[in-house]
Amino acid sequence: MAEAGPLCVYEKRDPHIAIVRLNRPEKKNAISRDLYWALDECWQKAKADDDVWSIILTGTADAFCVGGDLKENLAFAKGEMKGPRSGPRGYSSLRPLQMHKPIIAAINGYAVGGGFSLALSCHIRLPVADRLGLLVRFKRPDDRRRYCFPPGTGTKDLRTGKVDGRLCRARHDDQS
């Protein structure tokens, strides 16, 4: 079933900014094979445009990205879908793009699984106010709970486990 509108919206804004918006709100911006290629096309367009100095990646509606499309993955596993599932790199791996332009994740809702990895692969991550915080299954050998990462959580906090597992609102101040 085809979705209405482009799966990934590319918009240029002054001065020198490109906005890349995942546009599968009915699926919480889950990455399907078609969205993978649409996103890759947006990355290539931004990379080739010398007038674009920075890129903002965001999602449509109440989710940034919930990772891969599990129904599509199941269809591939059952042999109901044929052909390549994606391209030469994972959708959440931006390093092979060799973009050389800062990519900012404007996290406007849930960033789960591969969507969280996609956010982490961006150079800068900013939660959008009045949206839920980042929710992800954070795997440590001794623990498999879901954690909420409030704004300002750094990689040191992630390594030391200084997270408390509660759902939080994205905020731009030090209150929690």
N, C-alpha and C. Protein backbone atom coordinates (compact mmCIF):
# COMPACT_ATOMS: atom_id res chain seq x y z
N MET A 1 0.84 -1.18 0.00
CA MET A 1 0.00 0.00 0.00
C MET A 1 0.89 1.24 0.00
N ALA A 2 0.67 2.11 -0.93
CA ALA A 2 1.49 3.33 -1.05
C ALA A 2 1.05 4.38 -0.05
N GLU A 3 2.02 5.06 0.50
CA GLU A 3 1.72 6.13 1.45
C GLU A 3 1.61 7.46 0.70
N ALA A 4 0.81 8.36 1.22
CA ALA A 4 0.60 9.66 0.60
C ALA A 4 1.83 10.55 0.82
N GLY A 5 2.22 11.28 -0.21
CA GLY A 5 3.33 12.21 -0.08
C GLY A 5 4.67 11.52 -0.14
N PRO A 6 5.74 12.31 -0.24
CA PRO A 6 7.08 11.72 -0.28
C PRO A 6 7.44 11.10 1.07
N LEU A 7 8.19 10.01 1.02
CA LEU A 7 8.60 9.33 2.25
C LEU A 7 9.64 10.10 3.02
N CYS A 8 10.40 10.91 2.32
CA CYS A 8 11.43 11.73 2.95
C CYS A 8 11.40 13.09 2.28
N VAL A 9 11.21 14.13 3.06
CA VAL A 9 11.06 15.48 2.53
C VAL A 9 12.39 16.22 2.68
N TYR A 10 12.85 16.81 1.58
CA TYR A 10 14.08 17.60 1.57
C TYR A 10 13.68 19.06 1.34
N GLU A 11 14.10 19.91 2.25
CA GLU A 11 13.74 21.32 2.16
C GLU A 11 14.97 22.17 2.46
N LYS A 12 15.22 23.14 1.60
CA LYS A 12 16.33 24.07 1.84
C LYS A 12 15.79 25.32 2.50
N ARG A 13 16.54 25.79 3.48
CA ARG A 13 16.19 27.03 4.17
C ARG A 13 17.41 27.92 4.22
N ASP A 14 17.16 29.21 4.24
CA ASP A 14 18.26 30.16 4.39
C ASP A 14 18.59 30.28 5.86
N PRO A 15 19.75 30.53 6.26
CA PRO A 15 20.96 30.56 5.46
C PRO A 15 21.65 29.20 5.47
N HIS A 16 21.78 28.57 4.37
CA HIS A 16 22.63 27.39 4.15
C HIS A 16 22.22 26.15 4.95
N ILE A 17 20.93 25.96 5.16
CA ILE A 17 20.45 24.83 5.96
C ILE A 17 19.53 23.95 5.10
N ALA A 18 19.70 22.65 5.22
CA ALA A 18 18.78 21.70 4.60
C ALA A 18 18.07 20.95 5.73
N ILE A 19 16.77 20.77 5.57
CA ILE A 19 16.00 19.98 6.53
C ILE A 19 15.58 18.69 5.84
N VAL A 20 15.90 17.58 6.47
CA VAL A 20 15.51 16.26 5.98
C VAL A 20 14.50 15.72 6.98
N ARG A 21 13.28 15.45 6.49
CA ARG A 21 12.19 15.03 7.37
C ARG A 21 11.68 13.65 6.97
N LEU A 22 11.80 12.69 7.89
CA LEU A 22 11.23 11.36 7.67
C LEU A 22 9.71 11.52 7.68
N ASN A 23 9.02 10.95 6.70
CA ASN A 23 7.59 11.24 6.53
C ASN A 23 6.76 9.96 6.40
N ARG A 24 6.77 9.16 7.44
CA ARG A 24 5.88 8.00 7.56
C ARG A 24 5.18 8.07 8.92
N PRO A 25 4.39 9.10 9.16
CA PRO A 25 3.82 9.28 10.50
C PRO A 25 2.93 8.13 10.94
N GLU A 26 2.25 7.47 9.99
CA GLU A 26 1.36 6.36 10.36
C GLU A 26 2.15 5.15 10.86
N LYS A 27 3.45 5.09 10.57
CA LYS A 27 4.33 4.01 11.01
C LYS A 27 5.42 4.52 11.94
N LYS A 28 5.19 5.69 12.53
CA LYS A 28 6.17 6.30 13.45
C LYS A 28 7.54 6.45 12.80
N ASN A 29 7.54 6.72 11.49
CA ASN A 29 8.76 6.94 10.72
C ASN A 29 9.69 5.74 10.72
N ALA A 30 9.09 4.53 10.78
CA ALA A 30 9.88 3.30 10.67
C ALA A 30 10.54 3.26 9.29
N ILE A 31 11.76 2.80 9.25
CA ILE A 31 12.52 2.78 8.00
C ILE A 31 12.16 1.55 7.18
N SER A 32 11.47 1.76 6.09
CA SER A 32 11.16 0.71 5.12
C SER A 32 12.22 0.76 4.03
N ARG A 33 12.18 -0.20 3.12
CA ARG A 33 13.12 -0.19 2.00
C ARG A 33 12.97 1.09 1.19
N ASP A 34 11.74 1.52 0.92
CA ASP A 34 11.51 2.73 0.13
C ASP A 34 11.97 3.98 0.88
N LEU A 35 11.74 4.04 2.20
CA LEU A 35 12.20 5.19 2.97
C LEU A 35 13.72 5.22 3.03
N TYR A 36 14.35 4.05 3.12
CA TYR A 36 15.81 3.99 3.11
C TYR A 36 16.36 4.70 1.87
N TRP A 37 15.82 4.36 0.70
CA TRP A 37 16.32 4.94 -0.55
C TRP A 37 15.96 6.41 -0.67
N ALA A 38 14.78 6.80 -0.18
CA ALA A 38 14.40 8.22 -0.20
C ALA A 38 15.32 9.03 0.71
N LEU A 39 15.66 8.48 1.87
CA LEU A 39 16.58 9.15 2.79
C LEU A 39 17.97 9.24 2.16
N ASP A 40 18.41 8.16 1.54
CA ASP A 40 19.71 8.18 0.89
C ASP A 40 19.75 9.24 -0.21
N GLU A 41 18.67 9.39 -0.96
CA GLU A 41 18.60 10.43 -1.99
C GLU A 41 18.73 11.83 -1.38
N CYS A 42 18.08 12.04 -0.24
CA CYS A 42 18.19 13.34 0.46
C CYS A 42 19.62 13.59 0.92
N TRP A 43 20.28 12.55 1.47
CA TRP A 43 21.67 12.71 1.91
C TRP A 43 22.55 13.10 0.73
N GLN A 44 22.37 12.42 -0.41
CA GLN A 44 23.19 12.71 -1.58
C GLN A 44 22.94 14.12 -2.11
N LYS A 45 21.69 14.55 -2.06
CA LYS A 45 21.34 15.90 -2.51
C LYS A 45 22.01 16.95 -1.62
N ALA A 46 21.97 16.74 -0.30
CA ALA A 46 22.59 17.68 0.63
C ALA A 46 24.11 17.68 0.48
N LYS A 47 24.68 16.50 0.28
CA LYS A 47 26.13 16.39 0.14
C LYS A 47 26.62 17.12 -1.12
N ALA A 48 25.86 17.03 -2.20
CA ALA A 48 26.27 17.62 -3.47
C ALA A 48 26.05 19.13 -3.54
N ASP A 49 25.21 19.67 -2.66
CA ASP A 49 24.86 21.09 -2.72
C ASP A 49 25.85 21.90 -1.88
N ASP A 50 26.69 22.67 -2.55
CA ASP A 50 27.69 23.48 -1.85
C ASP A 50 27.06 24.62 -1.06
N ASP A 51 25.83 24.97 -1.37
CA ASP A 51 25.13 26.02 -0.64
C ASP A 51 24.58 25.53 0.71
N VAL A 52 24.56 24.22 0.91
CA VAL A 52 24.11 23.63 2.18
C VAL A 52 25.33 23.44 3.07
N TRP A 53 25.31 24.09 4.22
CA TRP A 53 26.42 24.00 5.17
C TRP A 53 26.10 23.09 6.34
N SER A 54 24.81 22.91 6.65
CA SER A 54 24.41 22.02 7.75
C SER A 54 23.05 21.41 7.43
N ILE A 55 22.78 20.27 8.07
CA ILE A 55 21.58 19.50 7.79
C ILE A 55 20.87 19.21 9.10
N ILE A 56 19.56 19.40 9.11
CA ILE A 56 18.74 19.04 10.26
C ILE A 56 17.91 17.82 9.87
N LEU A 57 18.00 16.77 10.66
CA LEU A 57 17.22 15.55 10.44
C LEU A 57 16.14 15.49 11.51
N THR A 58 14.90 15.29 11.10
CA THR A 58 13.80 15.20 12.05
C THR A 58 12.75 14.24 11.51
N GLY A 59 11.73 13.99 12.31
CA GLY A 59 10.64 13.12 11.90
C GLY A 59 9.34 13.90 11.79
N THR A 60 8.33 13.26 11.23
CA THR A 60 7.01 13.86 11.11
C THR A 60 6.14 13.34 12.25
N ALA A 61 5.28 14.20 12.75
CA ALA A 61 4.30 13.86 13.81
C ALA A 61 5.01 13.61 15.13
N ASP A 62 4.65 12.55 15.84
CA ASP A 62 5.10 12.37 17.23
C ASP A 62 6.28 11.42 17.39
N ALA A 63 6.98 11.11 16.31
CA ALA A 63 8.13 10.21 16.42
C ALA A 63 9.28 10.72 15.56
N PHE A 64 10.48 10.61 16.10
CA PHE A 64 11.68 10.87 15.30
C PHE A 64 11.85 9.68 14.34
N CYS A 65 12.07 8.50 14.89
CA CYS A 65 12.18 7.28 14.11
C CYS A 65 12.16 6.10 15.07
N VAL A 66 11.37 5.08 14.75
CA VAL A 66 11.30 3.91 15.63
C VAL A 66 12.14 2.74 15.11
N GLY A 67 13.06 3.03 14.18
CA GLY A 67 13.93 1.97 13.68
C GLY A 67 13.38 1.35 12.41
N GLY A 68 13.77 0.11 12.18
CA GLY A 68 13.35 -0.60 10.97
C GLY A 68 11.88 -0.98 11.01
N ASP A 69 11.30 -1.11 9.84
CA ASP A 69 9.90 -1.53 9.70
C ASP A 69 9.83 -3.04 9.93
N LEU A 70 9.33 -3.44 11.09
CA LEU A 70 9.35 -4.84 11.48
C LEU A 70 8.44 -5.69 10.59
N LYS A 71 7.31 -5.15 10.16
CA LYS A 71 6.43 -5.92 9.27
C LYS A 71 7.13 -6.20 7.94
N GLU A 72 7.85 -5.22 7.44
CA GLU A 72 8.59 -5.43 6.20
C GLU A 72 9.73 -6.42 6.42
N ASN A 73 10.41 -6.34 7.55
CA ASN A 73 11.47 -7.30 7.86
C ASN A 73 10.93 -8.72 7.90
N LEU A 74 9.74 -8.89 8.48
CA LEU A 74 9.10 -10.20 8.55
C LEU A 74 8.73 -10.69 7.14
N ALA A 75 8.23 -9.78 6.31
CA ALA A 75 7.88 -10.15 4.93
C ALA A 75 9.13 -10.62 4.17
N PHE A 76 10.27 -9.98 4.39
CA PHE A 76 11.52 -10.43 3.77
C PHE A 76 11.89 -11.81 4.29
N ALA A 77 11.77 -12.01 5.59
CA ALA A 77 12.13 -13.29 6.19
C ALA A 77 11.25 -14.43 5.66
N LYS A 78 9.98 -14.14 5.40
CA LYS A 78 9.06 -15.15 4.88
C LYS A 78 9.17 -15.34 3.37
N GLY A 79 9.99 -14.50 2.72
CA GLY A 79 10.13 -14.59 1.28
C GLY A 79 9.03 -13.89 0.51
N GLU A 80 8.20 -13.10 1.20
CA GLU A 80 7.11 -12.38 0.55
C GLU A 80 7.60 -11.14 -0.18
N MET A 81 8.77 -10.63 0.17
CA MET A 81 9.38 -9.50 -0.51
C MET A 81 10.73 -9.95 -1.04
N LYS A 82 11.04 -9.54 -2.25
CA LYS A 82 12.29 -9.92 -2.90
C LYS A 82 13.14 -8.69 -3.14
N GLY A 83 14.39 -8.92 -3.50
CA GLY A 83 15.30 -7.83 -3.82
C GLY A 83 16.07 -7.38 -2.60
N PRO A 84 16.92 -6.37 -2.79
CA PRO A 84 17.72 -5.88 -1.67
C PRO A 84 16.86 -5.15 -0.64
N ARG A 85 17.15 -5.37 0.63
CA ARG A 85 16.41 -4.70 1.69
C ARG A 85 16.88 -3.28 1.88
N SER A 86 18.15 -3.03 1.59
CA SER A 86 18.71 -1.69 1.75
C SER A 86 19.93 -1.57 0.86
N GLY A 87 20.65 -0.50 1.03
CA GLY A 87 21.84 -0.26 0.22
C GLY A 87 23.11 -0.75 0.89
N PRO A 88 24.23 -0.14 0.55
CA PRO A 88 25.54 -0.62 1.01
C PRO A 88 25.85 -0.32 2.48
N ARG A 89 25.05 0.49 3.14
CA ARG A 89 25.30 0.82 4.54
C ARG A 89 23.98 0.75 5.30
N GLY A 90 24.07 0.58 6.60
CA GLY A 90 22.88 0.61 7.41
C GLY A 90 22.29 2.02 7.45
N TYR A 91 20.99 2.14 7.61
CA TYR A 91 20.36 3.46 7.60
C TYR A 91 20.82 4.32 8.77
N SER A 92 21.25 3.69 9.84
CA SER A 92 21.67 4.48 11.00
C SER A 92 23.17 4.75 11.02
N SER A 93 23.86 4.37 9.97
CA SER A 93 25.30 4.58 9.90
C SER A 93 25.59 5.71 8.91
N LEU A 94 25.87 6.89 9.43
CA LEU A 94 26.09 8.05 8.57
C LEU A 94 27.56 8.25 8.22
N ARG A 95 28.46 7.63 8.94
CA ARG A 95 29.89 7.82 8.69
C ARG A 95 30.30 7.44 7.26
N PRO A 96 29.81 6.32 6.71
CA PRO A 96 30.21 5.98 5.34
C PRO A 96 29.78 7.01 4.28
N LEU A 97 28.84 7.88 4.62
CA LEU A 97 28.44 8.92 3.68
C LEU A 97 29.54 9.93 3.43
N GLN A 98 30.45 10.06 4.39
CA GLN A 98 31.52 11.06 4.33
C GLN A 98 30.93 12.44 4.00
N MET A 99 29.96 12.83 4.82
CA MET A 99 29.18 14.04 4.56
C MET A 99 30.01 15.32 4.71
N HIS A 100 30.84 15.43 5.72
CA HIS A 100 31.66 16.62 5.97
C HIS A 100 30.82 17.87 6.19
N LYS A 101 29.59 17.68 6.59
CA LYS A 101 28.70 18.78 6.98
C LYS A 101 28.02 18.32 8.26
N PRO A 102 27.86 19.21 9.23
CA PRO A 102 27.22 18.78 10.48
C PRO A 102 25.77 18.38 10.25
N ILE A 103 25.40 17.25 10.86
CA ILE A 103 24.03 16.76 10.82
C ILE A 103 23.47 16.87 12.23
N ILE A 104 22.36 17.57 12.36
CA ILE A 104 21.73 17.83 13.65
C ILE A 104 20.44 17.01 13.71
N ALA A 105 20.31 16.19 14.73
CA ALA A 105 19.08 15.43 14.94
C ALA A 105 18.14 16.29 15.80
N ALA A 106 17.04 16.73 15.21
CA ALA A 106 16.00 17.44 15.96
C ALA A 106 14.99 16.37 16.38
N ILE A 107 15.18 15.85 17.58
CA ILE A 107 14.42 14.68 18.04
C ILE A 107 13.06 15.15 18.54
N ASN A 108 12.06 14.89 17.71
CA ASN A 108 10.72 15.40 17.95
C ASN A 108 9.79 14.37 18.57
N GLY A 109 10.30 13.28 19.03
CA GLY A 109 9.46 12.24 19.63
C GLY A 109 10.29 11.00 19.86
N TYR A 110 9.64 9.84 19.78
CA TYR A 110 10.33 8.59 20.08
C TYR A 110 11.49 8.34 19.13
N ALA A 111 12.62 7.97 19.69
CA ALA A 111 13.79 7.52 18.96
C ALA A 111 14.15 6.17 19.57
N VAL A 112 13.69 5.10 18.92
CA VAL A 112 13.77 3.77 19.51
C VAL A 112 14.58 2.85 18.60
N GLY A 113 15.34 1.95 19.19
CA GLY A 113 16.08 0.96 18.42
C GLY A 113 17.00 1.62 17.40
N GLY A 114 16.83 1.26 16.13
CA GLY A 114 17.63 1.83 15.06
C GLY A 114 17.42 3.33 14.92
N GLY A 115 16.25 3.82 15.32
CA GLY A 115 16.00 5.27 15.30
C GLY A 115 16.87 5.99 16.31
N PHE A 116 17.12 5.34 17.45
CA PHE A 116 18.02 5.91 18.45
C PHE A 116 19.45 5.91 17.91
N SER A 117 19.82 4.81 17.23
CA SER A 117 21.15 4.75 16.61
C SER A 117 21.31 5.83 15.55
N LEU A 118 20.25 6.08 14.79
CA LEU A 118 20.28 7.14 13.79
C LEU A 118 20.51 8.49 14.45
N ALA A 119 19.82 8.74 15.56
CA ALA A 119 20.02 10.00 16.29
C ALA A 119 21.45 10.10 16.82
N LEU A 120 21.97 9.01 17.36
CA LEU A 120 23.33 9.01 17.89
C LEU A 120 24.38 9.21 16.81
N SER A 121 24.08 8.79 15.58
CA SER A 121 25.06 8.94 14.51
C SER A 121 25.16 10.38 14.01
N CYS A 122 24.19 11.22 14.39
CA CYS A 122 24.25 12.64 14.02
C CYS A 122 25.29 13.35 14.88
N HIS A 123 25.82 14.44 14.39
CA HIS A 123 26.86 15.17 15.13
C HIS A 123 26.31 15.85 16.37
N ILE A 124 25.09 16.36 16.27
CA ILE A 124 24.45 17.08 17.38
C ILE A 124 23.05 16.52 17.54
N ARG A 125 22.60 16.33 18.78
CA ARG A 125 21.26 15.82 19.06
C ARG A 125 20.54 16.80 19.97
N LEU A 126 19.40 17.31 19.49
CA LEU A 126 18.61 18.26 20.27
C LEU A 126 17.18 17.77 20.40
N PRO A 127 16.68 17.61 21.61
CA PRO A 127 15.27 17.25 21.77
C PRO A 127 14.40 18.47 21.48
N VAL A 128 13.28 18.23 20.86
CA VAL A 128 12.33 19.30 20.58
C VAL A 128 11.44 19.42 21.81
N ALA A 129 11.25 20.63 22.31
CA ALA A 129 10.47 20.85 23.53
C ALA A 129 9.06 20.30 23.38
N ASP A 130 8.49 19.89 24.52
CA ASP A 130 7.12 19.39 24.61
C ASP A 130 6.92 18.07 23.89
N ARG A 131 7.96 17.31 23.72
CA ARG A 131 7.86 15.97 23.16
C ARG A 131 8.45 15.00 24.17
N LEU A 132 8.14 13.73 24.00
CA LEU A 132 8.71 12.73 24.90
C LEU A 132 10.20 12.64 24.71
N GLY A 133 10.88 12.20 25.74
CA GLY A 133 12.33 12.05 25.67
C GLY A 133 12.71 10.85 24.83
N LEU A 134 13.97 10.59 24.75
CA LEU A 134 14.46 9.44 23.99
C LEU A 134 14.17 8.18 24.78
N LEU A 135 13.57 7.21 24.15
CA LEU A 135 13.27 5.96 24.82
C LEU A 135 13.92 4.84 24.01
N VAL A 136 14.72 4.05 24.67
CA VAL A 136 15.48 3.05 23.93
C VAL A 136 15.76 1.84 24.83
N ARG A 137 15.94 0.69 24.23
CA ARG A 137 16.41 -0.46 24.99
C ARG A 137 17.92 -0.38 24.99
N PHE A 138 18.46 -0.02 26.13
CA PHE A 138 19.88 0.18 26.30
C PHE A 138 20.46 -1.13 26.83
N LYS A 139 21.27 -1.81 26.05
CA LYS A 139 21.75 -3.13 26.42
C LYS A 139 23.06 -3.04 27.17
N ARG A 140 23.03 -3.52 28.37
CA ARG A 140 24.24 -3.73 29.15
C ARG A 140 24.21 -5.19 29.56
N PRO A 141 25.35 -5.80 29.80
CA PRO A 141 25.36 -7.23 30.12
C PRO A 141 24.49 -7.57 31.33
N ASP A 142 24.42 -6.67 32.30
CA ASP A 142 23.70 -6.98 33.54
C ASP A 142 22.29 -6.41 33.58
N ASP A 143 21.83 -5.77 32.50
CA ASP A 143 20.55 -5.07 32.58
C ASP A 143 19.96 -4.91 31.18
N ARG A 144 18.63 -5.09 31.05
CA ARG A 144 17.99 -4.93 29.76
C ARG A 144 16.73 -4.07 29.87
N ARG A 145 16.73 -3.12 30.77
CA ARG A 145 15.57 -2.24 30.93
C ARG A 145 15.54 -1.18 29.85
N ARG A 146 14.39 -0.52 29.71
CA ARG A 146 14.29 0.63 28.82
C ARG A 146 14.64 1.86 29.62
N TYR A 147 15.42 2.72 29.03
CA TYR A 147 15.86 3.93 29.70
C TYR A 147 15.40 5.17 28.96
N CYS A 148 15.18 6.21 29.70
CA CYS A 148 14.88 7.52 29.14
C CYS A 148 16.12 8.38 29.30
N PHE A 149 16.52 9.03 28.24
CA PHE A 149 17.69 9.89 28.29
C PHE A 149 17.24 11.34 28.20
N PRO A 150 17.21 12.05 29.30
CA PRO A 150 16.80 13.45 29.25
C PRO A 150 17.84 14.30 28.55
N PRO A 151 17.44 15.49 28.12
CA PRO A 151 18.39 16.39 27.46
C PRO A 151 19.62 16.59 28.33
N GLY A 152 20.76 16.65 27.70
CA GLY A 152 22.00 16.87 28.42
C GLY A 152 22.69 15.59 28.84
N THR A 153 22.04 14.43 28.60
CA THR A 153 22.67 13.17 28.93
C THR A 153 23.82 12.95 27.98
N GLY A 154 25.00 12.77 28.51
CA GLY A 154 26.18 12.59 27.67
C GLY A 154 26.59 11.14 27.61
N THR A 155 27.59 10.87 26.78
CA THR A 155 28.05 9.49 26.64
C THR A 155 28.66 8.96 27.93
N LYS A 156 29.24 9.84 28.75
CA LYS A 156 29.78 9.40 30.03
C LYS A 156 28.65 8.88 30.92
N ASP A 157 27.51 9.58 30.91
CA ASP A 157 26.36 9.13 31.69
C ASP A 157 25.88 7.77 31.20
N LEU A 158 25.91 7.55 29.88
CA LEU A 158 25.47 6.27 29.33
C LEU A 158 26.41 5.15 29.75
N ARG A 159 27.72 5.41 29.71
CA ARG A 159 28.69 4.37 30.08
C ARG A 159 28.60 4.02 31.56
N THR A 160 28.35 5.00 32.40
CA THR A 160 28.32 4.73 33.84
C THR A 160 26.94 4.32 34.32
N GLY A 161 25.95 4.34 33.42
CA GLY A 161 24.61 3.89 33.79
C GLY A 161 23.83 4.89 34.62
N LYS A 162 24.17 6.19 34.53
CA LYS A 162 23.47 7.20 35.32
C LYS A 162 22.16 7.60 34.63
N VAL A 163 21.29 6.62 34.49
CA VAL A 163 19.97 6.85 33.93
C VAL A 163 18.98 6.12 34.82
N ASP A 164 17.76 6.62 34.89
CA ASP A 164 16.85 6.06 35.89
C ASP A 164 15.62 5.36 35.34
N GLY A 165 15.47 5.25 34.03
CA GLY A 165 14.41 4.44 33.47
C GLY A 165 13.02 5.06 33.46
N ARG A 166 12.89 6.33 33.76
CA ARG A 166 11.56 6.93 33.75
C ARG A 166 11.33 7.69 32.46
N LEU A 167 10.07 7.72 32.02
CA LEU A 167 9.73 8.47 30.82
C LEU A 167 9.79 9.95 31.15
N CYS A 168 10.38 10.71 30.27
CA CYS A 168 10.57 12.12 30.57
C CYS A 168 10.10 12.98 29.42
N ARG A 169 9.88 14.22 29.68
CA ARG A 169 9.56 15.20 28.66
C ARG A 169 10.86 15.85 28.20
N ALA A 170 10.96 16.09 26.92
CA ALA A 170 12.14 16.78 26.40
C ALA A 170 12.07 18.23 26.85
N ARG A 171 13.13 18.70 27.47
CA ARG A 171 13.18 20.07 27.98
C ARG A 171 14.53 20.67 27.65
N HIS A 172 14.57 21.98 27.60
CA HIS A 172 15.82 22.66 27.30
C HIS A 172 16.41 23.35 28.52
N ASP A 173 15.98 22.95 29.69
CA ASP A 173 16.57 23.49 30.91
C ASP A 173 17.05 22.35 31.77
N ASP A 174 17.52 22.63 32.97
CA ASP A 174 18.09 21.60 33.82
C ASP A 174 17.07 20.93 34.73
N GLN A 175 15.80 21.25 34.58
CA GLN A 175 14.78 20.61 35.40
C GLN A 175 14.43 19.27 34.84
N SER A 176 14.02 18.32 35.72
CA SER A 176 13.60 17.02 35.22
C SER A 176 12.28 16.62 35.83
